[in-house]
Amino acid sequence: MSADFSFKNGSVFTENARFDGPVAQLDISGRIGMVAKDFDIRLGVMPHVTSSLPVVATFMAGGFNPLAGAAAWVIEKIATKSVPSVTTYKYQVTGPWDKPDWRKVGG
């Protein structure tokens, strides 16, 4: 996790919170109301391209197929640099903590 936070009038503000987990990277910007218990944040969810793709391809292509695994490995190495920008899901989250409104935004 990395982030810069500021606190003002019972709210926490950030423009660069980042959580990098094993499955996805989550970017957060906006305001979280600690007193009002509400959200006004933007989320970017970027699933990680899995490095297990070559292993799965090796076994899914008719049993053990090293050629399929090698091809999947090459594709994964090429695609890894471009896929995150294609697979970013963006949301606007507003409203109270117990019933936030999630709206998908952008492409």
N, C-alpha and C. Protein backbone atom coordinates (compact mmCIF):
# COMPACT_ATOMS: atom_id res chain seq x y z
N MET A 1 0.85 -1.17 0.00
CA MET A 1 0.00 0.00 0.00
C MET A 1 0.89 1.24 0.00
N SER A 2 0.48 2.23 -0.76
CA SER A 2 1.13 3.53 -0.71
C SER A 2 0.05 4.59 -0.87
N ALA A 3 0.23 5.71 -0.17
CA ALA A 3 -0.78 6.77 -0.24
C ALA A 3 -0.30 8.00 0.51
N ASP A 4 -0.87 9.11 0.12
CA ASP A 4 -0.76 10.35 0.88
C ASP A 4 -2.18 10.71 1.30
N PHE A 5 -2.35 11.01 2.59
CA PHE A 5 -3.67 11.36 3.10
C PHE A 5 -3.62 12.73 3.75
N SER A 6 -4.75 13.44 3.67
CA SER A 6 -4.90 14.67 4.44
C SER A 6 -6.24 14.57 5.17
N PHE A 7 -6.31 15.22 6.30
CA PHE A 7 -7.51 15.18 7.14
C PHE A 7 -8.03 16.60 7.30
N LYS A 8 -9.32 16.77 7.05
CA LYS A 8 -9.91 18.10 7.17
C LYS A 8 -11.40 17.96 7.45
N ASN A 9 -11.89 18.65 8.44
CA ASN A 9 -13.31 18.70 8.77
C ASN A 9 -13.96 17.32 8.86
N GLY A 10 -13.28 16.39 9.48
CA GLY A 10 -13.86 15.07 9.70
C GLY A 10 -13.80 14.15 8.50
N SER A 11 -13.04 14.50 7.48
CA SER A 11 -12.92 13.67 6.28
C SER A 11 -11.45 13.36 5.99
N VAL A 12 -11.23 12.25 5.32
CA VAL A 12 -9.90 11.85 4.86
C VAL A 12 -9.88 12.02 3.35
N PHE A 13 -8.84 12.68 2.84
CA PHE A 13 -8.71 12.93 1.41
C PHE A 13 -7.44 12.26 0.88
N THR A 14 -7.52 11.72 -0.33
CA THR A 14 -6.35 11.18 -1.01
C THR A 14 -6.53 11.32 -2.51
N GLU A 15 -5.44 11.43 -3.19
CA GLU A 15 -5.46 11.43 -4.65
C GLU A 15 -4.59 10.31 -5.21
N ASN A 16 -3.96 9.54 -4.31
CA ASN A 16 -3.01 8.55 -4.81
C ASN A 16 -2.91 7.28 -3.98
N ALA A 17 -3.98 6.86 -3.34
CA ALA A 17 -3.92 5.62 -2.56
C ALA A 17 -3.85 4.43 -3.53
N ARG A 18 -2.91 3.54 -3.26
CA ARG A 18 -2.74 2.37 -4.12
C ARG A 18 -2.54 1.13 -3.26
N PHE A 19 -3.36 0.13 -3.52
CA PHE A 19 -3.22 -1.17 -2.89
C PHE A 19 -2.86 -2.16 -3.99
N ASP A 20 -1.74 -2.82 -3.83
CA ASP A 20 -1.31 -3.78 -4.85
C ASP A 20 -1.34 -5.16 -4.23
N GLY A 21 -2.37 -5.94 -4.60
CA GLY A 21 -2.54 -7.27 -4.04
C GLY A 21 -2.21 -8.35 -5.04
N PRO A 22 -2.38 -9.59 -4.64
CA PRO A 22 -2.03 -10.70 -5.52
C PRO A 22 -2.95 -10.84 -6.73
N VAL A 23 -4.15 -10.31 -6.65
CA VAL A 23 -5.13 -10.47 -7.73
C VAL A 23 -5.31 -9.20 -8.55
N ALA A 24 -5.17 -8.04 -7.91
CA ALA A 24 -5.43 -6.78 -8.61
C ALA A 24 -4.73 -5.62 -7.91
N GLN A 25 -4.64 -4.53 -8.64
CA GLN A 25 -4.20 -3.26 -8.09
C GLN A 25 -5.42 -2.38 -7.95
N LEU A 26 -5.54 -1.69 -6.83
CA LEU A 26 -6.68 -0.83 -6.58
C LEU A 26 -6.16 0.58 -6.33
N ASP A 27 -6.60 1.54 -7.16
CA ASP A 27 -6.26 2.95 -6.99
C ASP A 27 -7.48 3.69 -6.48
N ILE A 28 -7.27 4.54 -5.48
CA ILE A 28 -8.37 5.28 -4.86
C ILE A 28 -8.02 6.75 -4.80
N SER A 29 -9.00 7.59 -5.15
CA SER A 29 -8.85 9.02 -4.96
C SER A 29 -10.20 9.57 -4.52
N GLY A 30 -10.15 10.63 -3.73
CA GLY A 30 -11.40 11.25 -3.29
C GLY A 30 -11.46 11.45 -1.80
N ARG A 31 -12.70 11.42 -1.27
CA ARG A 31 -12.95 11.74 0.14
C ARG A 31 -13.72 10.62 0.81
N ILE A 32 -13.30 10.31 2.04
CA ILE A 32 -14.04 9.39 2.89
C ILE A 32 -14.42 10.16 4.15
N GLY A 33 -15.72 10.30 4.37
CA GLY A 33 -16.22 11.05 5.52
C GLY A 33 -16.18 10.20 6.77
N MET A 34 -15.29 10.53 7.69
CA MET A 34 -15.18 9.77 8.93
C MET A 34 -16.28 10.15 9.92
N VAL A 35 -16.70 11.40 9.91
CA VAL A 35 -17.77 11.84 10.79
C VAL A 35 -19.13 11.55 10.15
N ALA A 36 -19.28 11.93 8.88
CA ALA A 36 -20.55 11.71 8.18
C ALA A 36 -20.74 10.26 7.76
N LYS A 37 -19.67 9.47 7.82
CA LYS A 37 -19.69 8.06 7.42
C LYS A 37 -20.22 7.90 6.00
N ASP A 38 -19.55 8.62 5.07
CA ASP A 38 -19.96 8.54 3.68
C ASP A 38 -18.73 8.50 2.77
N PHE A 39 -18.98 8.17 1.49
CA PHE A 39 -17.94 8.09 0.48
C PHE A 39 -18.19 9.10 -0.63
N ASP A 40 -17.12 9.57 -1.20
CA ASP A 40 -17.12 10.28 -2.48
C ASP A 40 -15.76 9.99 -3.09
N ILE A 41 -15.62 8.77 -3.61
CA ILE A 41 -14.32 8.31 -4.10
C ILE A 41 -14.42 7.75 -5.51
N ARG A 42 -13.28 7.72 -6.16
CA ARG A 42 -13.14 7.08 -7.46
C ARG A 42 -12.20 5.89 -7.30
N LEU A 43 -12.60 4.76 -7.84
CA LEU A 43 -11.80 3.54 -7.74
C LEU A 43 -11.35 3.11 -9.13
N GLY A 44 -10.14 2.68 -9.23
CA GLY A 44 -9.63 2.03 -10.43
C GLY A 44 -9.19 0.64 -10.04
N VAL A 45 -9.77 -0.37 -10.66
CA VAL A 45 -9.44 -1.76 -10.36
C VAL A 45 -8.77 -2.35 -11.58
N MET A 46 -7.52 -2.77 -11.41
CA MET A 46 -6.75 -3.33 -12.52
C MET A 46 -6.34 -4.76 -12.18
N PRO A 47 -7.09 -5.74 -12.68
CA PRO A 47 -6.71 -7.14 -12.41
C PRO A 47 -5.34 -7.43 -13.00
N HIS A 48 -4.56 -8.23 -12.26
CA HIS A 48 -3.24 -8.61 -12.75
C HIS A 48 -3.37 -9.71 -13.79
N VAL A 49 -2.55 -9.62 -14.83
CA VAL A 49 -2.47 -10.70 -15.81
C VAL A 49 -1.73 -11.82 -15.12
N THR A 50 -2.33 -12.96 -15.08
CA THR A 50 -1.74 -14.06 -14.32
C THR A 50 -0.56 -14.69 -15.04
N SER A 51 0.45 -15.02 -14.27
CA SER A 51 1.61 -15.69 -14.85
C SER A 51 1.38 -17.18 -14.97
N SER A 52 0.19 -17.66 -14.57
CA SER A 52 -0.10 -19.08 -14.71
C SER A 52 -0.70 -19.41 -16.07
N LEU A 53 -0.91 -18.42 -16.92
CA LEU A 53 -1.46 -18.66 -18.25
C LEU A 53 -0.69 -19.71 -19.03
N PRO A 54 0.65 -19.67 -19.08
CA PRO A 54 1.37 -20.71 -19.82
C PRO A 54 1.15 -22.11 -19.27
N VAL A 55 1.08 -22.23 -17.95
CA VAL A 55 0.86 -23.54 -17.34
C VAL A 55 -0.51 -24.08 -17.70
N VAL A 56 -1.53 -23.23 -17.62
CA VAL A 56 -2.89 -23.64 -17.97
C VAL A 56 -2.95 -24.05 -19.44
N ALA A 57 -2.35 -23.26 -20.31
CA ALA A 57 -2.38 -23.57 -21.75
C ALA A 57 -1.68 -24.88 -22.05
N THR A 58 -0.60 -25.15 -21.33
CA THR A 58 0.15 -26.39 -21.55
C THR A 58 -0.74 -27.60 -21.33
N PHE A 59 -1.54 -27.59 -20.28
CA PHE A 59 -2.36 -28.75 -19.96
C PHE A 59 -3.73 -28.75 -20.64
N MET A 60 -4.25 -27.58 -21.00
CA MET A 60 -5.57 -27.51 -21.63
C MET A 60 -5.50 -27.90 -23.11
N ALA A 61 -4.36 -27.80 -23.71
CA ALA A 61 -4.24 -28.09 -25.15
C ALA A 61 -3.99 -29.57 -25.37
N GLY A 62 -4.95 -30.40 -24.96
CA GLY A 62 -4.84 -31.84 -25.20
C GLY A 62 -3.83 -32.53 -24.33
N GLY A 63 -3.91 -32.33 -23.03
CA GLY A 63 -2.95 -32.97 -22.14
C GLY A 63 -1.73 -32.10 -21.97
N PHE A 64 -0.58 -32.71 -22.03
CA PHE A 64 0.66 -31.94 -21.86
C PHE A 64 1.17 -31.54 -23.24
N ASN A 65 1.16 -30.23 -23.51
CA ASN A 65 1.59 -29.74 -24.81
C ASN A 65 2.57 -28.58 -24.59
N PRO A 66 3.88 -28.89 -24.60
CA PRO A 66 4.88 -27.84 -24.34
C PRO A 66 4.84 -26.70 -25.35
N LEU A 67 4.47 -26.98 -26.60
CA LEU A 67 4.41 -25.93 -27.61
C LEU A 67 3.33 -24.91 -27.26
N ALA A 68 2.16 -25.39 -26.82
CA ALA A 68 1.08 -24.48 -26.42
C ALA A 68 1.52 -23.65 -25.22
N GLY A 69 2.22 -24.28 -24.27
CA GLY A 69 2.71 -23.55 -23.10
C GLY A 69 3.71 -22.48 -23.49
N ALA A 70 4.61 -22.80 -24.40
CA ALA A 70 5.61 -21.83 -24.84
C ALA A 70 4.94 -20.66 -25.56
N ALA A 71 3.96 -20.98 -26.41
CA ALA A 71 3.24 -19.91 -27.13
C ALA A 71 2.50 -19.01 -26.15
N ALA A 72 1.85 -19.61 -25.15
CA ALA A 72 1.13 -18.81 -24.14
C ALA A 72 2.09 -17.94 -23.35
N TRP A 73 3.29 -18.47 -23.06
CA TRP A 73 4.28 -17.70 -22.32
C TRP A 73 4.71 -16.46 -23.11
N VAL A 74 4.95 -16.63 -24.41
CA VAL A 74 5.34 -15.51 -25.26
C VAL A 74 4.22 -14.47 -25.32
N ILE A 75 2.99 -14.93 -25.51
CA ILE A 75 1.84 -14.01 -25.58
C ILE A 75 1.68 -13.25 -24.27
N GLU A 76 1.83 -13.97 -23.16
CA GLU A 76 1.68 -13.31 -21.86
C GLU A 76 2.74 -12.24 -21.67
N LYS A 77 3.99 -12.50 -22.07
CA LYS A 77 5.07 -11.53 -21.91
C LYS A 77 4.82 -10.29 -22.76
N ILE A 78 4.25 -10.47 -23.94
CA ILE A 78 3.94 -9.33 -24.81
C ILE A 78 2.73 -8.57 -24.29
N ALA A 79 1.69 -9.30 -23.89
CA ALA A 79 0.42 -8.68 -23.48
C ALA A 79 0.49 -8.02 -22.12
N THR A 80 1.35 -8.49 -21.23
CA THR A 80 1.39 -7.98 -19.87
C THR A 80 1.57 -6.46 -19.83
N LYS A 81 2.31 -5.90 -20.75
CA LYS A 81 2.56 -4.46 -20.74
C LYS A 81 1.35 -3.66 -21.20
N SER A 82 0.49 -4.23 -22.07
CA SER A 82 -0.63 -3.47 -22.61
C SER A 82 -1.96 -3.82 -21.96
N VAL A 83 -2.11 -4.99 -21.40
CA VAL A 83 -3.40 -5.43 -20.87
C VAL A 83 -3.89 -4.60 -19.69
N PRO A 84 -3.05 -4.21 -18.71
CA PRO A 84 -3.59 -3.46 -17.59
C PRO A 84 -4.38 -2.22 -17.99
N SER A 85 -3.95 -1.48 -19.02
CA SER A 85 -4.71 -0.30 -19.41
C SER A 85 -6.04 -0.67 -20.06
N VAL A 86 -6.11 -1.85 -20.65
CA VAL A 86 -7.33 -2.31 -21.29
C VAL A 86 -8.30 -2.86 -20.26
N THR A 87 -7.78 -3.46 -19.19
CA THR A 87 -8.63 -4.11 -18.21
C THR A 87 -8.76 -3.31 -16.92
N THR A 88 -8.77 -2.00 -17.01
CA THR A 88 -9.00 -1.17 -15.84
C THR A 88 -10.48 -0.87 -15.73
N TYR A 89 -11.05 -1.19 -14.59
CA TYR A 89 -12.46 -0.91 -14.33
C TYR A 89 -12.52 0.28 -13.39
N LYS A 90 -13.30 1.29 -13.77
CA LYS A 90 -13.38 2.52 -12.99
C LYS A 90 -14.78 2.69 -12.41
N TYR A 91 -14.82 3.08 -11.15
CA TYR A 91 -16.09 3.24 -10.45
C TYR A 91 -16.10 4.55 -9.68
N GLN A 92 -17.27 5.14 -9.55
CA GLN A 92 -17.51 6.28 -8.66
C GLN A 92 -18.36 5.72 -7.53
N VAL A 93 -17.89 5.88 -6.30
CA VAL A 93 -18.61 5.37 -5.13
C VAL A 93 -19.00 6.56 -4.28
N THR A 94 -20.30 6.72 -4.07
CA THR A 94 -20.81 7.83 -3.27
C THR A 94 -21.86 7.31 -2.31
N GLY A 95 -22.15 8.10 -1.31
CA GLY A 95 -23.23 7.76 -0.39
C GLY A 95 -22.72 7.22 0.93
N PRO A 96 -23.65 6.77 1.77
CA PRO A 96 -23.30 6.31 3.12
C PRO A 96 -22.54 4.98 3.11
N TRP A 97 -21.76 4.78 4.17
CA TRP A 97 -20.97 3.55 4.28
C TRP A 97 -21.83 2.30 4.20
N ASP A 98 -23.01 2.34 4.82
CA ASP A 98 -23.83 1.13 4.88
C ASP A 98 -24.63 0.86 3.61
N LYS A 99 -24.68 1.82 2.68
CA LYS A 99 -25.41 1.61 1.43
C LYS A 99 -24.82 2.51 0.33
N PRO A 100 -23.57 2.27 -0.04
CA PRO A 100 -22.95 3.13 -1.07
C PRO A 100 -23.53 2.86 -2.46
N ASP A 101 -23.47 3.89 -3.28
CA ASP A 101 -23.92 3.79 -4.67
C ASP A 101 -22.68 3.60 -5.54
N TRP A 102 -22.59 2.47 -6.23
CA TRP A 102 -21.47 2.14 -7.12
C TRP A 102 -21.91 2.39 -8.56
N ARG A 103 -21.20 3.27 -9.27
CA ARG A 103 -21.46 3.52 -10.68
C ARG A 103 -20.20 3.28 -11.47
N LYS A 104 -20.30 2.47 -12.52
CA LYS A 104 -19.17 2.27 -13.40
C LYS A 104 -19.03 3.53 -14.25
N VAL A 105 -17.82 4.04 -14.38
CA VAL A 105 -17.58 5.25 -15.17
C VAL A 105 -16.53 4.96 -16.24
N GLY A 106 -16.53 5.77 -17.26
CA GLY A 106 -15.57 5.58 -18.34
C GLY A 106 -15.94 4.38 -19.21
N GLY A 107 -15.02 4.08 -20.18
CA GLY A 107 -15.20 2.99 -21.13
C GLY A 107 -15.72 1.80 -20.54
